[in-house]
């Protein structure tokens, strides 16, 4: 049983490596042969192992990620022609892209773009054809004024260059409040290796998906710790590097129930100050153990990459 459990962790680590590659190369050709090489599986086995672990086929995953990336760009106000965006992300024609997009969100990309121009409006819900997926078109919850006032009272925000971070991580897919399980596994793995003895150790949550465009059951996050030395990927644990860059950084001291409000207010701050956000490398950088805080609060930086 322990051997089988170890094999599964090794497979998860390999699949994580492929997902990281896919997310960084959505505008490139993503062939089965190339991705199977990255995972160190034969194409025959890789396709099946990916489906078993992720609960969706490789092609389904790639198509979903591309559509969600496009939807995220539309929410951020991209004015590029839809046909140009579709070709950039591997769709052979505007009509095939439109069909795939409508199959996922239940409306055409043109209608999606129009609705995206109405931020802060009352929540509207759209269901896909199978009736299972709901999409909220409210970009940020609550009123703009309330969020502006809240962030002014609860955070210090500045735009600055953030350094490169080398991280060991384990993946979590699903609701945000369940990522503690991934952190628990990560700490159990890191402890015996002495990785928790780093005097500058920080925990970091990296967000790979936007819940505005990705169903919460498929939202992927990484539970991470910073590294002060090189290590090899090991079983379920993998290594990633977040590049240095320009970020809007908000310092918060908040309870577990205030995370949504903190993120929403940061998004308002970024837009209100004339910045545009990039489509990846959003993260939280933690500065304390909230269990040792007298009010069980988290002291953290919310980091949004901006241009």
Protein backbone atom coordinates (compact mmCIF):
# COMPACT_ATOMS: atom_id res chain seq x y z
CA UNK A 1 0.00 0.00 0.00
CA UNK A 2 2.83 2.46 0.88
CA UNK A 3 4.51 1.69 -2.45
CA UNK A 4 1.29 2.46 -4.35
CA UNK A 5 0.86 5.66 -2.37
CA UNK A 6 4.41 6.70 -3.26
CA UNK A 7 3.84 5.95 -6.94
CA UNK A 8 0.69 8.10 -6.93
CA UNK A 9 2.60 11.03 -5.38
CA UNK A 10 5.31 10.67 -8.02
CA UNK A 11 2.69 10.73 -10.76
CA UNK A 12 1.02 13.81 -9.28
CA UNK A 13 4.38 15.59 -9.27
CA UNK A 14 4.90 14.81 -12.94
CA UNK A 15 1.38 15.96 -13.84
CA UNK A 16 1.93 19.20 -11.88
CA UNK A 17 5.02 19.85 -13.98
CA UNK A 18 2.97 19.46 -17.16
CA UNK A 19 0.20 21.76 -15.90
CA UNK A 20 2.77 24.43 -15.05
CA UNK A 21 4.18 24.13 -18.57
CA UNK A 22 0.74 24.31 -20.19
CA UNK A 23 -0.24 27.40 -18.20
CA UNK A 24 2.96 29.17 -19.27
CA UNK A 25 2.61 28.21 -22.95
CA UNK A 26 -1.06 28.49 -23.82
CA UNK A 27 -0.20 30.47 -26.93
CA UNK A 28 2.17 27.76 -28.19
CA UNK A 29 1.59 24.38 -29.78
CA UNK A 30 0.96 21.83 -27.04
CA UNK A 31 1.33 18.38 -28.52
CA UNK A 32 0.74 15.10 -26.73
CA UNK A 33 4.23 13.90 -27.61
CA UNK A 34 5.92 17.00 -26.18
CA UNK A 35 3.87 17.03 -22.98
CA UNK A 36 4.35 13.31 -22.41
CA UNK A 37 8.13 13.85 -22.64
CA UNK A 38 7.89 16.54 -19.95
CA UNK A 39 5.98 14.07 -17.75
CA UNK A 40 8.42 11.24 -18.55
CA UNK A 41 5.60 8.94 -19.67
CA UNK A 42 4.86 7.32 -22.99
CA UNK A 43 2.07 9.16 -24.85
CA UNK A 44 -0.22 6.14 -24.38
CA UNK A 45 0.19 6.07 -20.59
CA UNK A 46 0.43 9.84 -20.10
CA UNK A 47 -2.95 10.57 -21.64
CA UNK A 48 -4.67 8.05 -19.37
CA UNK A 49 -2.76 8.94 -16.19
CA UNK A 50 -3.52 12.64 -16.72
CA UNK A 51 -7.23 11.88 -17.07
CA UNK A 52 -7.31 9.72 -13.93
CA UNK A 53 -5.48 12.28 -11.77
CA UNK A 54 -7.13 15.46 -13.10
CA UNK A 55 -10.59 14.14 -13.83
CA UNK A 56 -10.54 15.61 -17.34
CA UNK A 57 -8.72 14.74 -20.54
CA UNK A 58 -5.51 16.48 -21.56
CA UNK A 59 -7.20 18.11 -24.56
CA UNK A 60 -10.11 19.15 -22.37
CA UNK A 61 -7.72 20.73 -19.87
CA UNK A 62 -5.80 22.64 -22.55
CA UNK A 63 -8.97 23.91 -24.22
CA UNK A 64 -10.46 24.96 -20.88
CA UNK A 65 -7.32 26.83 -19.85
CA UNK A 66 -7.18 28.64 -23.19
CA UNK A 67 -10.83 29.67 -23.02
CA UNK A 68 -10.42 30.83 -19.42
CA UNK A 69 -7.30 32.83 -20.32
CA UNK A 70 -9.25 34.55 -23.10
CA UNK A 71 -12.20 35.20 -20.76
CA UNK A 72 -9.82 36.71 -18.23
CA UNK A 73 -8.42 39.04 -20.88
CA UNK A 74 -11.93 40.11 -21.85
CA UNK A 75 -12.77 40.82 -18.21
CA UNK A 76 -9.64 42.96 -18.03
CA UNK A 77 -10.87 45.03 -20.98
CA UNK A 78 -8.83 43.71 -23.89
CA UNK A 79 -9.96 45.44 -27.10
CA UNK A 80 -8.17 43.07 -29.49
CA UNK A 81 -10.40 41.50 -32.16
CA UNK A 82 -11.85 38.20 -30.99
CA UNK A 83 -10.53 36.46 -34.09
CA UNK A 84 -6.98 37.61 -33.30
CA UNK A 85 -7.24 36.39 -29.69
CA UNK A 86 -8.67 33.06 -30.87
CA UNK A 87 -5.83 32.45 -33.34
CA UNK A 88 -3.25 33.40 -30.69
CA UNK A 89 -4.54 30.62 -28.45
CA UNK A 90 -4.64 27.89 -31.07
CA UNK A 91 -8.19 27.98 -32.40
CA UNK A 92 -8.31 27.32 -36.14
CA UNK A 93 -11.20 29.66 -36.83
CA UNK A 94 -13.32 32.30 -35.14
CA UNK A 95 -16.39 30.06 -35.47
CA UNK A 96 -14.73 27.08 -33.74
CA UNK A 97 -13.58 29.38 -30.93
CA UNK A 98 -17.04 30.89 -30.57
CA UNK A 99 -18.64 27.44 -30.34
CA UNK A 100 -16.13 26.26 -27.73
CA UNK A 101 -16.53 29.45 -25.70
CA UNK A 102 -20.33 29.30 -25.78
CA UNK A 103 -20.29 25.62 -24.85
CA UNK A 104 -18.28 26.48 -21.74
CA UNK A 105 -19.96 29.72 -20.62
CA UNK A 106 -23.38 29.45 -22.25
CA UNK A 107 -23.03 32.76 -24.10
CA UNK A 108 -20.96 33.98 -27.03
CA UNK A 109 -17.59 35.69 -26.48
CA UNK A 110 -19.11 38.89 -27.92
CA UNK A 111 -21.84 38.93 -25.30
CA UNK A 112 -19.30 38.02 -22.61
CA UNK A 113 -17.19 41.04 -23.64
CA UNK A 114 -20.22 43.34 -23.48
CA UNK A 115 -21.15 42.15 -20.00
CA UNK A 116 -17.55 42.54 -18.88
CA UNK A 117 -17.83 46.27 -19.63
CA UNK A 118 -20.27 46.60 -16.75
CA UNK A 119 -18.08 46.03 -13.67
CA UNK A 120 -19.53 46.47 -10.20
CA UNK A 121 -23.04 45.89 -11.55
CA UNK A 122 -25.53 43.60 -9.87
CA UNK A 123 -24.51 39.94 -10.06
CA UNK A 124 -25.76 38.16 -13.14
CA UNK A 125 -25.71 34.39 -13.43
CA UNK A 126 -25.33 32.37 -16.61
CA UNK A 127 -25.54 28.58 -16.81
CA UNK A 128 -23.88 26.41 -19.40
CA UNK A 129 -25.94 24.06 -21.55
CA UNK A 130 -25.69 21.24 -19.05
CA UNK A 131 -26.93 23.56 -16.32
CA UNK A 132 -24.06 22.69 -14.00
CA UNK A 133 -21.76 25.69 -14.34
CA UNK A 134 -22.59 29.17 -13.14
CA UNK A 135 -20.59 32.25 -14.02
CA UNK A 136 -20.71 35.49 -12.09
CA UNK A 137 -20.12 38.63 -14.15
CA UNK A 138 -19.69 40.86 -11.15
CA UNK A 139 -16.00 41.70 -11.25
CA UNK A 140 -15.70 42.78 -7.64
CA UNK A 141 -18.21 42.24 -4.84
CA UNK A 142 -19.68 45.19 -3.00
CA UNK A 143 -19.74 48.83 -4.00
CA UNK A 144 -16.64 50.65 -5.21
CA UNK A 145 -16.84 53.24 -2.47
CA UNK A 146 -17.14 50.63 0.27
CA UNK A 147 -14.12 48.75 -1.05
CA UNK A 148 -12.06 51.92 -1.38
CA UNK A 149 -12.90 52.92 2.19
CA UNK A 150 -12.21 49.41 3.47
CA UNK A 151 -8.77 49.14 1.89
CA UNK A 152 -7.83 52.62 3.09
CA UNK A 153 -8.59 51.53 6.64
CA UNK A 154 -7.12 48.03 6.44
CA UNK A 155 -4.10 48.06 4.15
CA UNK A 156 -1.03 49.87 2.98
CA UNK A 157 -0.67 49.50 -0.81
CA UNK A 158 2.32 50.35 -2.97
CA UNK A 159 3.62 49.43 -6.41
CA UNK A 160 7.13 48.03 -6.29
CA UNK A 161 9.51 45.50 -7.74
CA UNK A 162 9.24 42.13 -6.04
CA UNK A 163 12.20 39.73 -6.06
CA UNK A 164 12.31 36.33 -7.72
CA UNK A 165 10.97 33.58 -5.47
CA UNK A 166 12.03 29.94 -5.65
CA UNK A 167 9.34 27.80 -4.09
CA UNK A 168 8.64 24.20 -3.16
CA UNK A 169 4.95 23.50 -3.55
CA UNK A 170 2.09 21.06 -3.57
CA UNK A 171 -1.01 21.64 -5.66
CA UNK A 172 -4.56 22.10 -4.46
CA UNK A 173 -7.60 22.07 -6.74
CA UNK A 174 -10.93 23.26 -5.40
CA UNK A 175 -12.33 25.72 -2.83
CA UNK A 176 -9.84 28.15 -1.31
CA UNK A 177 -10.69 27.27 2.28
CA UNK A 178 -9.47 23.69 1.80
CA UNK A 179 -5.89 24.51 0.79
CA UNK A 180 -4.80 23.82 4.37
CA UNK A 181 -4.70 20.13 3.48
CA UNK A 182 -2.03 20.79 0.84
CA UNK A 183 -0.06 22.91 3.32
CA UNK A 184 -0.23 20.07 5.83
CA UNK A 185 1.22 17.59 3.33
CA UNK A 186 3.87 20.13 2.30
CA UNK A 187 5.02 20.67 5.89
CA UNK A 188 5.16 16.93 6.56
CA UNK A 189 7.38 16.54 3.51
CA UNK A 190 9.58 19.60 4.18
CA UNK A 191 10.22 19.03 7.89
CA UNK A 192 12.46 15.95 7.65
CA UNK A 193 14.45 17.63 4.88
CA UNK A 194 15.33 20.58 7.12
CA UNK A 195 13.58 23.03 4.80
CA UNK A 196 11.59 24.55 7.65
CA UNK A 197 14.79 25.65 9.41
CA UNK A 198 15.33 28.49 6.94
CA UNK A 199 15.39 31.67 9.11
CA UNK A 200 13.81 33.64 6.26
CA UNK A 201 11.12 31.03 5.56
CA UNK A 202 7.84 32.35 4.17
CA UNK A 203 4.70 30.54 3.12
CA UNK A 204 3.18 31.58 -0.19
CA UNK A 205 -0.10 30.77 -1.92
CA UNK A 206 0.07 31.09 -5.71
CA UNK A 207 -3.16 31.38 -7.69
CA UNK A 208 -3.22 29.83 -11.15
CA UNK A 209 -6.88 30.49 -11.96
CA UNK A 210 -9.32 33.37 -11.67
CA UNK A 211 -12.55 32.27 -9.91
CA UNK A 212 -14.43 34.78 -12.07
CA UNK A 213 -13.79 32.59 -15.12
CA UNK A 214 -12.96 29.17 -13.64
CA UNK A 215 -15.46 26.99 -11.80
CA UNK A 216 -14.43 26.83 -8.13
CA UNK A 217 -14.17 23.04 -8.32
CA UNK A 218 -11.33 23.42 -10.85
CA UNK A 219 -9.53 26.48 -9.46
CA UNK A 220 -5.89 25.51 -8.97
CA UNK A 221 -3.64 26.94 -6.28
CA UNK A 222 -0.17 26.06 -5.03
CA UNK A 223 0.69 25.82 -1.35
CA UNK A 224 4.34 26.90 -1.18
CA UNK A 225 7.32 27.57 1.02
CA UNK A 226 10.33 29.66 0.05
CA UNK A 227 13.64 27.84 -0.47
CA UNK A 228 17.14 28.88 0.50
CA UNK A 229 18.86 26.05 -1.38
CA UNK A 230 18.37 23.88 -4.43
CA UNK A 231 16.22 20.78 -4.09
CA UNK A 232 14.89 18.25 -6.54
CA UNK A 233 11.20 17.62 -7.12
CA UNK A 234 10.19 14.70 -4.96
CA UNK A 235 6.93 12.80 -5.32
CA UNK A 236 4.00 15.18 -5.01
CA UNK A 237 6.30 18.10 -4.15
CA UNK A 238 7.53 20.22 -7.04
CA UNK A 239 9.61 23.37 -7.48
CA UNK A 240 8.62 26.60 -9.23
CA UNK A 241 10.17 30.01 -9.72
CA UNK A 242 8.11 33.18 -9.65
CA UNK A 243 10.00 35.78 -11.69
CA UNK A 244 10.88 39.18 -10.31
CA UNK A 245 8.57 41.90 -11.52
CA UNK A 246 6.40 44.92 -10.86
CA UNK A 247 3.55 44.28 -8.43
CA UNK A 248 0.84 46.13 -6.59
CA UNK A 249 1.46 44.93 -3.03
CA UNK A 250 -1.07 45.35 -0.25
CA UNK A 251 -0.11 44.59 3.35
CA UNK A 252 -3.07 43.28 5.35
CA UNK A 253 -3.80 42.00 8.86
CA UNK A 254 -7.08 40.17 8.42
CA UNK A 255 -9.24 37.29 9.59
CA UNK A 256 -9.97 34.25 7.44
CA UNK A 257 -13.36 35.74 6.55
CA UNK A 258 -11.85 38.90 5.05
CA UNK A 259 -9.77 37.40 2.25
CA UNK A 260 -12.40 37.93 -0.43
CA UNK A 261 -12.86 41.54 0.60
CA UNK A 262 -9.09 42.06 0.61
CA UNK A 263 -8.67 40.67 -2.91
CA UNK A 264 -11.68 42.58 -4.24
CA UNK A 265 -10.41 45.84 -2.77
CA UNK A 266 -6.94 45.24 -4.25
CA UNK A 267 -8.47 44.72 -7.70
CA UNK A 268 -10.38 47.99 -7.30
CA UNK A 269 -7.20 49.76 -6.19
CA UNK A 270 -5.26 48.52 -9.23
CA UNK A 271 -7.96 49.65 -11.67
CA UNK A 272 -8.55 52.93 -9.85
CA UNK A 273 -4.86 53.84 -10.06
CA UNK A 274 -4.63 53.23 -13.80
CA UNK A 275 -2.73 49.94 -13.77
CA UNK A 276 -3.54 46.83 -15.79
CA UNK A 277 -2.90 43.43 -14.28
CA UNK A 278 -1.15 40.55 -16.00
CA UNK A 279 -2.77 37.14 -16.35
CA UNK A 280 -0.51 35.08 -14.04
CA UNK A 281 1.68 35.07 -10.93
CA UNK A 282 -0.86 36.38 -8.42
CA UNK A 283 0.15 35.37 -4.92
CA UNK A 284 -0.15 35.85 -1.18
CA UNK A 285 3.03 36.16 0.89
CA UNK A 286 2.49 35.34 4.56
CA UNK A 287 4.47 36.97 7.37
CA UNK A 288 3.14 35.17 10.44
CA UNK A 289 1.62 32.02 11.84
CA UNK A 290 -1.99 33.09 12.30
CA UNK A 291 -2.47 30.48 15.04
CA UNK A 292 -0.02 32.47 17.19
CA UNK A 293 -1.75 35.78 16.55
CA UNK A 294 -3.89 36.90 19.56
CA UNK A 295 -6.89 37.33 17.22
CA UNK A 296 -5.97 34.48 14.85
CA UNK A 297 -5.34 36.99 12.07
CA UNK A 298 -3.14 36.62 9.00
CA UNK A 299 -0.44 39.18 8.29
CA UNK A 300 0.21 38.97 4.56
CA UNK A 301 0.97 40.74 1.33
CA UNK A 302 -1.44 40.34 -1.58
CA UNK A 303 0.68 40.67 -4.70
CA UNK A 304 -0.88 41.49 -8.08
CA UNK A 305 1.42 41.73 -11.14
CA UNK A 306 0.86 45.02 -12.96
CA UNK A 307 1.95 46.90 -16.03
